């Protein structure tokens, strides 16, 4: 017999990736979740500096990569664990299951980091400076889903996609992140 908390965690782990944004698809589901327990501690916050840490602790042994280089040459990084830093340009307000970094000079001008079911994006993430780590993937995203991200979440349109039903997009399956807000 399963423990009631185990059943709850199994239900959340299977339902959260599907919740995403209302038009999310199975191709956008995160990879296998990191092992966790129902007694996992809440996000570590340091109110003195406006900092919120979620997911796994960041480590300097994971290489920090340039966002433009990652978005324009994803094949060099596919399958690798990387760290990236930048400003949060948008995030899924519905389920807090992903956020996007502003990547000026890249096409598209953003990079999405998928967080669920490993952790949820903080509700106050917009505009925060973030350092995150995770595994790079190139996904074939249905064209309508890409339009949803780019238009409804104001991530910027990309008009130079090749014809077809899907578009290639680089994502990071995030395992941890540190959000910092400028001092008020």
N, C-alpha and C. Protein backbone atom coordinates (compact mmCIF):
# COMPACT_ATOMS: atom_id res chain seq x y z
N UNK A 1 0.86 -1.18 0.00
CA UNK A 1 0.00 0.00 0.00
C UNK A 1 0.90 1.24 0.00
N UNK A 2 0.54 2.24 -0.81
CA UNK A 2 1.31 3.48 -0.90
C UNK A 2 0.96 4.40 0.26
N UNK A 3 1.93 5.14 0.72
CA UNK A 3 1.72 6.16 1.73
C UNK A 3 0.97 7.32 1.08
N UNK A 4 0.00 7.96 1.77
CA UNK A 4 -0.78 9.05 1.16
C UNK A 4 0.09 10.17 0.59
N UNK A 5 1.20 10.52 1.24
CA UNK A 5 2.06 11.58 0.72
C UNK A 5 2.73 11.13 -0.58
N UNK A 6 3.09 9.86 -0.68
CA UNK A 6 3.71 9.34 -1.90
C UNK A 6 2.73 9.44 -3.07
N UNK A 7 1.46 9.14 -2.82
CA UNK A 7 0.45 9.23 -3.86
C UNK A 7 0.30 10.68 -4.32
N UNK A 8 0.31 11.63 -3.38
CA UNK A 8 0.22 13.05 -3.71
C UNK A 8 1.39 13.47 -4.59
N UNK A 9 2.61 13.09 -4.24
CA UNK A 9 3.79 13.47 -5.01
C UNK A 9 3.77 12.84 -6.40
N UNK A 10 3.30 11.62 -6.52
CA UNK A 10 3.19 10.97 -7.83
C UNK A 10 2.18 11.73 -8.68
N UNK A 11 1.05 12.10 -8.10
CA UNK A 11 0.02 12.85 -8.82
C UNK A 11 0.55 14.20 -9.28
N UNK A 12 1.27 14.91 -8.41
CA UNK A 12 1.83 16.21 -8.78
C UNK A 12 2.88 16.07 -9.87
N UNK A 13 3.73 15.07 -9.77
CA UNK A 13 4.80 14.88 -10.74
C UNK A 13 4.26 14.57 -12.13
N UNK A 14 3.10 13.93 -12.21
CA UNK A 14 2.54 13.61 -13.52
C UNK A 14 1.64 14.72 -14.03
N UNK A 15 0.98 15.45 -13.16
CA UNK A 15 0.03 16.48 -13.60
C UNK A 15 0.69 17.81 -13.89
N UNK A 16 1.71 18.20 -13.14
CA UNK A 16 2.31 19.52 -13.29
C UNK A 16 2.88 19.78 -14.67
N UNK A 17 3.64 18.84 -15.28
CA UNK A 17 4.17 19.14 -16.61
C UNK A 17 3.06 19.33 -17.64
N UNK A 18 1.94 18.67 -17.46
CA UNK A 18 0.85 18.80 -18.40
C UNK A 18 0.08 20.09 -18.18
N UNK A 19 0.15 20.64 -16.97
CA UNK A 19 -0.59 21.86 -16.68
C UNK A 19 0.01 23.04 -17.43
N UNK A 20 1.33 23.23 -17.31
CA UNK A 20 2.06 24.28 -18.03
C UNK A 20 1.20 25.46 -18.38
N UNK A 21 1.31 25.90 -19.60
CA UNK A 21 0.42 26.90 -20.13
C UNK A 21 -0.75 26.16 -20.74
N UNK A 22 -1.91 26.79 -20.87
CA UNK A 22 -3.09 26.07 -21.33
C UNK A 22 -2.90 25.29 -22.62
N UNK A 23 -2.02 25.74 -23.50
CA UNK A 23 -1.85 25.04 -24.77
C UNK A 23 -0.56 24.23 -24.82
N UNK A 24 -0.02 23.81 -23.65
CA UNK A 24 1.22 23.05 -23.66
C UNK A 24 0.99 21.67 -24.25
N UNK A 25 2.08 21.07 -24.76
CA UNK A 25 1.99 19.79 -25.44
C UNK A 25 2.94 18.79 -24.82
N UNK A 26 2.76 17.54 -25.19
CA UNK A 26 3.60 16.49 -24.65
C UNK A 26 5.05 16.66 -25.04
N UNK A 27 5.37 17.31 -26.16
CA UNK A 27 6.76 17.48 -26.56
C UNK A 27 7.49 18.44 -25.65
N UNK A 28 6.77 19.19 -24.85
CA UNK A 28 7.38 20.16 -23.96
C UNK A 28 7.56 19.64 -22.54
N UNK A 29 7.26 18.37 -22.29
CA UNK A 29 7.36 17.86 -20.94
C UNK A 29 8.81 17.78 -20.50
N UNK A 30 9.08 18.09 -19.23
CA UNK A 30 10.43 17.99 -18.72
C UNK A 30 10.91 16.54 -18.69
N UNK A 31 12.22 16.37 -18.65
CA UNK A 31 12.78 15.03 -18.53
C UNK A 31 12.52 14.51 -17.12
N UNK A 32 13.03 13.33 -16.82
CA UNK A 32 12.79 12.69 -15.53
C UNK A 32 13.07 13.65 -14.37
N UNK A 33 12.19 13.72 -13.38
CA UNK A 33 12.41 14.60 -12.24
C UNK A 33 13.56 14.08 -11.38
N UNK A 34 14.19 15.02 -10.71
CA UNK A 34 15.23 14.66 -9.75
C UNK A 34 14.56 14.01 -8.55
N UNK A 35 15.22 13.04 -7.94
CA UNK A 35 14.62 12.42 -6.76
C UNK A 35 14.38 13.47 -5.68
N UNK A 36 13.24 13.41 -5.06
CA UNK A 36 12.95 14.32 -3.96
C UNK A 36 12.04 13.61 -2.99
N UNK A 37 11.90 14.20 -1.85
CA UNK A 37 11.03 13.59 -0.85
C UNK A 37 9.96 14.59 -0.46
N UNK A 38 8.85 14.11 0.08
CA UNK A 38 7.79 15.03 0.49
C UNK A 38 8.26 16.00 1.56
N UNK A 39 9.38 15.71 2.22
CA UNK A 39 9.85 16.60 3.27
C UNK A 39 10.95 17.53 2.77
N UNK A 40 11.06 17.72 1.42
CA UNK A 40 12.07 18.62 0.86
C UNK A 40 11.87 20.01 1.45
N UNK A 41 12.96 20.72 1.75
CA UNK A 41 12.83 22.05 2.34
C UNK A 41 12.28 23.04 1.32
N UNK A 42 11.64 24.10 1.79
CA UNK A 42 11.13 25.14 0.89
C UNK A 42 12.31 25.88 0.27
N UNK A 43 12.05 26.72 -0.76
CA UNK A 43 13.13 27.48 -1.36
C UNK A 43 13.90 28.27 -0.32
N UNK A 44 15.22 28.33 -0.49
CA UNK A 44 16.07 29.10 0.42
C UNK A 44 16.00 30.55 0.01
N UNK A 45 15.65 31.40 0.93
CA UNK A 45 15.53 32.82 0.63
C UNK A 45 16.48 33.61 1.49
N UNK A 46 17.05 34.64 0.90
CA UNK A 46 17.90 35.56 1.63
C UNK A 46 17.30 36.94 1.41
N UNK A 47 16.37 37.32 2.26
CA UNK A 47 15.62 38.56 2.09
C UNK A 47 16.52 39.78 2.11
N UNK A 48 17.65 39.71 2.80
CA UNK A 48 18.54 40.87 2.89
C UNK A 48 19.04 41.30 1.52
N UNK A 49 19.23 40.37 0.61
CA UNK A 49 19.71 40.72 -0.73
C UNK A 49 18.68 40.43 -1.80
N UNK A 50 17.43 40.10 -1.44
CA UNK A 50 16.40 39.80 -2.41
C UNK A 50 16.72 38.57 -3.24
N UNK A 51 17.19 37.52 -2.60
CA UNK A 51 17.64 36.32 -3.30
C UNK A 51 16.75 35.14 -2.96
N UNK A 52 16.41 34.35 -3.99
CA UNK A 52 15.64 33.12 -3.81
C UNK A 52 16.36 32.00 -4.55
N UNK A 53 16.66 30.92 -3.83
CA UNK A 53 17.29 29.74 -4.42
C UNK A 53 16.25 28.62 -4.50
N UNK A 54 16.15 27.98 -5.67
CA UNK A 54 15.20 26.89 -5.87
C UNK A 54 15.89 25.72 -6.56
N UNK A 55 15.39 24.52 -6.30
CA UNK A 55 15.98 23.34 -6.91
C UNK A 55 17.33 23.01 -6.29
N UNK A 56 18.17 22.32 -7.08
CA UNK A 56 19.49 21.93 -6.60
C UNK A 56 20.40 23.16 -6.45
N UNK A 57 21.34 23.06 -5.53
CA UNK A 57 22.31 24.14 -5.35
C UNK A 57 23.18 24.25 -6.60
N UNK A 58 23.48 25.48 -7.00
CA UNK A 58 24.34 25.71 -8.15
C UNK A 58 25.78 25.35 -7.79
N UNK A 59 26.53 24.93 -8.79
CA UNK A 59 27.92 24.56 -8.55
C UNK A 59 28.82 25.18 -9.60
N UNK A 60 29.97 25.67 -9.17
CA UNK A 60 30.93 26.28 -10.08
C UNK A 60 31.59 25.26 -11.01
N UNK A 61 31.47 23.97 -10.70
CA UNK A 61 32.08 22.96 -11.57
C UNK A 61 31.32 22.79 -12.89
N UNK A 62 30.09 23.31 -12.96
CA UNK A 62 29.31 23.28 -14.20
C UNK A 62 29.66 24.56 -14.97
N UNK A 63 30.05 24.44 -16.25
CA UNK A 63 30.51 25.61 -17.00
C UNK A 63 29.41 26.65 -17.23
N UNK A 64 29.80 27.93 -17.09
CA UNK A 64 28.91 29.05 -17.38
C UNK A 64 29.05 29.35 -18.87
N UNK A 65 27.93 29.35 -19.62
CA UNK A 65 27.98 29.57 -21.06
C UNK A 65 27.32 30.89 -21.43
N UNK A 66 27.70 31.41 -22.59
CA UNK A 66 27.13 32.64 -23.13
C UNK A 66 25.78 32.32 -23.79
N UNK A 67 24.75 33.11 -23.49
CA UNK A 67 23.42 32.86 -24.02
C UNK A 67 23.33 32.94 -25.53
N UNK A 68 23.98 33.92 -26.14
CA UNK A 68 23.93 34.05 -27.60
C UNK A 68 24.60 32.84 -28.24
N UNK A 69 25.73 32.44 -27.72
CA UNK A 69 26.43 31.27 -28.26
C UNK A 69 25.57 30.01 -28.12
N UNK A 70 24.89 29.86 -26.99
CA UNK A 70 24.04 28.69 -26.76
C UNK A 70 22.86 28.65 -27.73
N UNK A 71 22.18 29.77 -27.91
CA UNK A 71 21.00 29.80 -28.78
C UNK A 71 21.39 29.68 -30.26
N UNK A 72 22.52 30.26 -30.64
CA UNK A 72 22.90 30.22 -32.06
C UNK A 72 23.67 28.96 -32.45
N UNK A 73 24.28 28.25 -31.48
CA UNK A 73 25.03 27.01 -31.77
C UNK A 73 24.63 25.91 -30.79
N UNK A 74 23.34 25.56 -30.73
CA UNK A 74 22.89 24.61 -29.70
C UNK A 74 23.50 23.22 -29.83
N UNK A 75 23.87 22.82 -31.04
CA UNK A 75 24.44 21.48 -31.23
C UNK A 75 25.72 21.30 -30.43
N UNK A 76 26.44 22.38 -30.15
CA UNK A 76 27.67 22.28 -29.36
C UNK A 76 27.40 21.94 -27.90
N UNK A 77 26.17 22.21 -27.44
CA UNK A 77 25.85 22.06 -26.02
C UNK A 77 24.81 20.99 -25.73
N UNK A 78 24.15 20.47 -26.75
CA UNK A 78 23.05 19.52 -26.57
C UNK A 78 23.49 18.34 -25.69
N UNK A 79 22.68 18.04 -24.68
CA UNK A 79 22.95 16.94 -23.77
C UNK A 79 23.92 17.27 -22.64
N UNK A 80 24.47 18.46 -22.64
CA UNK A 80 25.44 18.85 -21.61
C UNK A 80 24.77 19.66 -20.50
N UNK A 81 25.32 19.53 -19.30
CA UNK A 81 24.87 20.36 -18.19
C UNK A 81 25.64 21.67 -18.25
N UNK A 82 24.91 22.79 -18.17
CA UNK A 82 25.52 24.12 -18.25
C UNK A 82 24.91 25.02 -17.18
N UNK A 83 25.60 26.14 -16.95
CA UNK A 83 25.04 27.24 -16.16
C UNK A 83 24.86 28.41 -17.11
N UNK A 84 23.86 29.21 -16.86
CA UNK A 84 23.60 30.40 -17.67
C UNK A 84 23.08 31.49 -16.75
N UNK A 85 23.34 32.74 -17.11
CA UNK A 85 22.88 33.87 -16.29
C UNK A 85 22.22 34.89 -17.20
N UNK A 86 21.26 35.62 -16.66
CA UNK A 86 20.60 36.67 -17.42
C UNK A 86 19.40 37.21 -16.68
N UNK A 87 18.61 38.01 -17.38
CA UNK A 87 17.42 38.62 -16.81
C UNK A 87 16.17 37.86 -17.25
N UNK A 88 15.25 37.63 -16.31
CA UNK A 88 14.01 36.94 -16.62
C UNK A 88 13.14 37.86 -17.47
N UNK A 89 12.84 37.39 -18.70
CA UNK A 89 12.05 38.15 -19.66
C UNK A 89 10.57 37.77 -19.60
N UNK A 90 10.29 36.56 -19.17
CA UNK A 90 8.91 36.08 -19.08
C UNK A 90 8.89 34.75 -18.36
N UNK A 91 7.70 34.35 -17.92
CA UNK A 91 7.55 33.02 -17.31
C UNK A 91 6.11 32.59 -17.37
N UNK A 92 5.89 31.31 -17.16
CA UNK A 92 4.55 30.75 -17.18
C UNK A 92 3.84 31.15 -15.88
N UNK A 93 2.90 32.06 -16.00
CA UNK A 93 2.16 32.52 -14.82
C UNK A 93 1.10 31.51 -14.40
N UNK A 94 0.73 30.61 -15.31
CA UNK A 94 -0.33 29.64 -15.04
C UNK A 94 0.13 28.56 -14.06
N UNK A 95 1.26 27.95 -14.35
CA UNK A 95 1.74 26.84 -13.51
C UNK A 95 3.14 27.08 -12.96
N UNK A 96 3.77 28.21 -13.37
CA UNK A 96 5.14 28.55 -12.93
C UNK A 96 6.11 27.41 -13.25
N UNK A 97 5.93 26.80 -14.44
CA UNK A 97 6.71 25.62 -14.82
C UNK A 97 7.89 25.93 -15.74
N UNK A 98 8.07 27.17 -16.16
CA UNK A 98 9.21 27.57 -16.97
C UNK A 98 9.40 29.07 -16.86
N UNK A 99 10.62 29.52 -17.20
CA UNK A 99 10.89 30.94 -17.34
C UNK A 99 11.80 31.13 -18.54
N UNK A 100 11.87 32.36 -19.03
CA UNK A 100 12.69 32.66 -20.20
C UNK A 100 13.67 33.76 -19.86
N UNK A 101 14.89 33.60 -20.36
CA UNK A 101 15.91 34.63 -20.21
C UNK A 101 15.95 35.48 -21.47
N UNK A 102 16.20 36.77 -21.29
CA UNK A 102 16.37 37.69 -22.39
C UNK A 102 17.76 37.44 -22.99
N UNK A 103 17.81 37.14 -24.30
CA UNK A 103 19.08 36.89 -24.98
C UNK A 103 19.17 37.85 -26.17
N UNK A 104 19.50 39.14 -25.92
CA UNK A 104 19.59 40.09 -27.02
C UNK A 104 20.67 39.64 -28.02
N UNK A 105 20.38 39.81 -29.30
CA UNK A 105 21.34 39.44 -30.33
C UNK A 105 21.19 38.01 -30.82
N UNK A 106 20.31 37.23 -30.21
CA UNK A 106 20.08 35.84 -30.63
C UNK A 106 18.75 35.76 -31.37
N UNK A 107 18.57 34.71 -32.14
CA UNK A 107 17.30 34.46 -32.82
C UNK A 107 16.86 33.06 -32.50
N UNK A 108 15.77 32.88 -31.71
CA UNK A 108 14.92 33.91 -31.12
C UNK A 108 15.65 34.62 -29.98
N UNK A 109 15.15 35.78 -29.56
CA UNK A 109 15.85 36.58 -28.55
C UNK A 109 15.57 36.15 -27.10
N UNK A 110 15.35 34.86 -26.90
CA UNK A 110 15.09 34.35 -25.56
C UNK A 110 15.52 32.89 -25.49
N UNK A 111 15.63 32.39 -24.25
CA UNK A 111 15.93 30.99 -23.98
C UNK A 111 15.02 30.55 -22.87
N UNK A 112 14.23 29.49 -23.12
CA UNK A 112 13.33 28.98 -22.08
C UNK A 112 14.04 27.94 -21.22
N UNK A 113 13.79 28.00 -19.92
CA UNK A 113 14.29 27.02 -18.97
C UNK A 113 13.08 26.35 -18.34
N UNK A 114 12.95 25.05 -18.53
CA UNK A 114 11.81 24.30 -18.01
C UNK A 114 12.16 23.84 -16.60
N UNK A 115 11.29 24.12 -15.65
CA UNK A 115 11.60 23.88 -14.24
C UNK A 115 10.77 22.77 -13.60
N UNK A 116 9.53 22.60 -14.03
CA UNK A 116 8.64 21.61 -13.40
C UNK A 116 8.95 20.22 -13.94
N UNK A 117 8.89 19.22 -13.16
CA UNK A 117 8.42 19.16 -11.77
C UNK A 117 9.53 19.33 -10.74
N UNK A 118 10.74 19.71 -11.16
CA UNK A 118 11.86 19.82 -10.21
C UNK A 118 11.68 20.98 -9.24
N UNK A 119 11.20 22.12 -9.72
CA UNK A 119 10.90 23.25 -8.84
C UNK A 119 9.98 24.20 -9.59
N UNK A 120 9.37 25.12 -8.87
CA UNK A 120 8.48 26.11 -9.46
C UNK A 120 9.19 27.46 -9.54
N UNK A 121 8.87 28.21 -10.56
CA UNK A 121 9.42 29.55 -10.72
C UNK A 121 8.81 30.44 -9.64
N UNK A 122 9.62 31.24 -8.92
CA UNK A 122 9.04 32.15 -7.93
C UNK A 122 8.06 33.12 -8.59
N UNK A 123 7.00 33.43 -7.88
CA UNK A 123 5.95 34.30 -8.42
C UNK A 123 6.46 35.69 -8.76
N UNK A 124 7.54 36.14 -8.12
CA UNK A 124 8.08 37.48 -8.36
C UNK A 124 9.32 37.45 -9.27
N UNK A 125 9.42 36.44 -10.14
CA UNK A 125 10.62 36.25 -10.95
C UNK A 125 10.81 37.30 -12.05
N UNK A 126 9.75 37.90 -12.56
CA UNK A 126 9.88 38.81 -13.69
C UNK A 126 10.88 39.92 -13.39
N UNK A 127 11.84 40.08 -14.30
CA UNK A 127 12.84 41.14 -14.18
C UNK A 127 14.01 40.80 -13.28
N UNK A 128 13.95 39.67 -12.59
CA UNK A 128 15.04 39.29 -11.69
C UNK A 128 16.27 38.87 -12.50
N UNK A 129 17.45 39.03 -11.91
CA UNK A 129 18.66 38.47 -12.50
C UNK A 129 18.72 37.03 -11.98
N UNK A 130 18.98 36.09 -12.87
CA UNK A 130 18.98 34.69 -12.46
C UNK A 130 20.24 34.01 -12.98
N UNK A 131 20.74 33.11 -12.17
CA UNK A 131 21.76 32.16 -12.61
C UNK A 131 21.11 30.80 -12.43
N UNK A 132 21.18 29.98 -13.48
CA UNK A 132 20.52 28.68 -13.43
C UNK A 132 21.43 27.63 -14.05
N UNK A 133 21.15 26.37 -13.72
CA UNK A 133 21.88 25.28 -14.36
C UNK A 133 20.90 24.18 -14.74
N UNK A 134 21.32 23.42 -15.76
CA UNK A 134 20.50 22.33 -16.24
C UNK A 134 21.07 21.75 -17.51
N UNK A 135 20.32 20.86 -18.14
CA UNK A 135 20.77 20.14 -19.33
C UNK A 135 20.13 20.76 -20.57
N UNK A 136 20.95 21.00 -21.59
CA UNK A 136 20.52 21.62 -22.84
C UNK A 136 19.84 20.59 -23.73
N UNK A 137 18.71 20.98 -24.32
CA UNK A 137 17.99 20.16 -25.29
C UNK A 137 17.59 21.03 -26.47
N UNK A 138 17.51 20.42 -27.64
CA UNK A 138 16.90 21.06 -28.80
C UNK A 138 15.59 20.32 -29.03
N UNK A 139 14.48 21.05 -28.91
CA UNK A 139 13.16 20.44 -29.04
C UNK A 139 12.48 20.92 -30.31
N UNK A 140 11.67 20.04 -30.88
CA UNK A 140 10.80 20.42 -31.99
C UNK A 140 9.47 20.83 -31.37
N UNK A 141 9.19 22.11 -31.40
CA UNK A 141 8.01 22.68 -30.76
C UNK A 141 6.94 22.93 -31.83
N UNK A 142 5.71 22.49 -31.59
CA UNK A 142 4.65 22.81 -32.55
C UNK A 142 4.59 24.33 -32.78
N UNK A 143 4.42 24.71 -34.02
CA UNK A 143 4.45 26.13 -34.40
C UNK A 143 3.47 26.96 -33.56
N UNK A 144 2.27 26.44 -33.30
CA UNK A 144 1.29 27.17 -32.49
C UNK A 144 1.76 27.38 -31.06
N UNK A 145 2.45 26.39 -30.51
CA UNK A 145 2.97 26.52 -29.15
C UNK A 145 4.07 27.59 -29.11
N UNK A 146 4.95 27.59 -30.11
CA UNK A 146 6.01 28.61 -30.18
C UNK A 146 5.39 29.99 -30.28
N UNK A 147 4.33 30.12 -31.08
CA UNK A 147 3.64 31.41 -31.21
C UNK A 147 3.03 31.83 -29.87
N UNK A 148 2.50 30.87 -29.12
CA UNK A 148 1.95 31.17 -27.79
C UNK A 148 3.03 31.77 -26.89
N UNK A 149 4.19 31.15 -26.83
CA UNK A 149 5.28 31.67 -25.99
C UNK A 149 5.70 33.06 -26.45
N UNK A 150 5.85 33.21 -27.76
CA UNK A 150 6.41 34.45 -28.29
C UNK A 150 5.43 35.61 -28.28
N UNK A 151 4.14 35.33 -28.42
CA UNK A 151 3.15 36.41 -28.46
C UNK A 151 2.52 36.64 -27.09
N UNK A 152 1.92 35.60 -26.51
CA UNK A 152 1.19 35.78 -25.26
C UNK A 152 2.11 36.03 -24.07
N UNK A 153 3.31 35.51 -24.12
CA UNK A 153 4.26 35.75 -23.03
C UNK A 153 5.26 36.84 -23.39
N UNK A 154 5.04 37.48 -24.53
CA UNK A 154 5.82 38.64 -24.98
C UNK A 154 7.32 38.36 -25.04
N UNK A 155 7.67 37.21 -25.58
CA UNK A 155 9.08 36.86 -25.67
C UNK A 155 9.71 37.34 -26.98
N UNK A 156 8.93 37.85 -27.89
CA UNK A 156 9.47 38.33 -29.16
C UNK A 156 9.25 37.32 -30.25
N UNK A 157 8.85 37.79 -31.41
CA UNK A 157 8.54 36.89 -32.53
C UNK A 157 9.81 36.54 -33.30
N UNK A 158 9.75 35.41 -33.93
CA UNK A 158 10.85 34.98 -34.80
C UNK A 158 10.23 34.69 -36.16
N UNK A 159 10.51 35.50 -37.13
CA UNK A 159 9.89 35.35 -38.43
C UNK A 159 10.72 34.55 -39.42
N UNK A 160 11.91 34.09 -39.05
CA UNK A 160 12.78 33.42 -40.00
C UNK A 160 12.80 31.90 -39.85
N UNK A 161 11.77 31.31 -39.24
CA UNK A 161 11.72 29.86 -39.09
C UNK A 161 11.48 29.20 -40.45
N UNK A 162 12.06 28.02 -40.61
CA UNK A 162 11.83 27.24 -41.82
C UNK A 162 10.37 26.79 -41.85
N UNK A 163 9.82 26.55 -43.05
CA UNK A 163 8.43 26.08 -43.12
C UNK A 163 8.28 24.71 -42.46
N UNK A 164 7.08 24.42 -41.99
CA UNK A 164 6.79 23.12 -41.38
C UNK A 164 5.86 23.27 -40.21
N UNK A 165 5.49 22.12 -39.62
CA UNK A 165 4.56 22.10 -38.50
C UNK A 165 5.24 22.40 -37.17
N UNK A 166 6.56 22.22 -37.10
CA UNK A 166 7.30 22.45 -35.85
C UNK A 166 8.48 23.38 -36.11
N UNK A 167 8.97 23.96 -35.02
CA UNK A 167 10.17 24.80 -35.07
C UNK A 167 11.14 24.29 -34.01
N UNK A 168 12.43 24.36 -34.34
CA UNK A 168 13.45 23.93 -33.38
C UNK A 168 13.66 25.05 -32.36
N UNK A 169 13.65 24.69 -31.09
CA UNK A 169 13.92 25.65 -30.02
C UNK A 169 14.86 25.01 -29.01
N UNK A 170 15.81 25.79 -28.55
CA UNK A 170 16.74 25.35 -27.52
C UNK A 170 16.07 25.60 -26.17
N UNK A 171 16.12 24.61 -25.30
CA UNK A 171 15.63 24.77 -23.93
C UNK A 171 16.66 24.18 -22.98
N UNK A 172 16.56 24.57 -21.74
CA UNK A 172 17.35 23.96 -20.69
C UNK A 172 16.38 23.33 -19.71
N UNK A 173 16.59 22.05 -19.41
CA UNK A 173 15.83 21.38 -18.37
C UNK A 173 16.53 21.76 -17.06
N UNK A 174 16.04 22.81 -16.42
CA UNK A 174 16.70 23.39 -15.26
C UNK A 174 16.62 22.48 -14.04
N UNK A 175 17.72 22.39 -13.32
CA UNK A 175 17.76 21.61 -12.08
C UNK A 175 17.87 22.50 -10.86
N UNK A 176 18.28 23.75 -11.05
CA UNK A 176 18.39 24.68 -9.94
C UNK A 176 18.57 26.09 -10.44
N UNK A 177 18.22 27.07 -9.61
CA UNK A 177 18.34 28.48 -10.01
C UNK A 177 18.44 29.37 -8.79
N UNK A 178 19.09 30.51 -8.99
CA UNK A 178 19.19 31.57 -7.97
C UNK A 178 18.65 32.85 -8.59
N UNK A 179 17.54 33.35 -8.04
CA UNK A 179 16.91 34.59 -8.51
C UNK A 179 17.31 35.72 -7.58
N UNK A 180 17.80 36.81 -8.17
CA UNK A 180 18.18 38.00 -7.38
C UNK A 180 17.44 39.21 -7.90
N UNK A 181 16.86 39.95 -6.98
CA UNK A 181 16.15 41.17 -7.33
C UNK A 181 17.00 42.36 -6.96
N UNK A 182 17.00 43.40 -7.81
CA UNK A 182 17.77 44.60 -7.49
C UNK A 182 17.28 45.19 -6.16
N UNK A 183 18.21 45.77 -5.42
CA UNK A 183 17.83 46.40 -4.15
C UNK A 183 16.90 47.58 -4.44
N UNK A 184 15.86 47.68 -3.63
CA UNK A 184 14.88 48.76 -3.83
C UNK A 184 15.32 50.03 -3.18
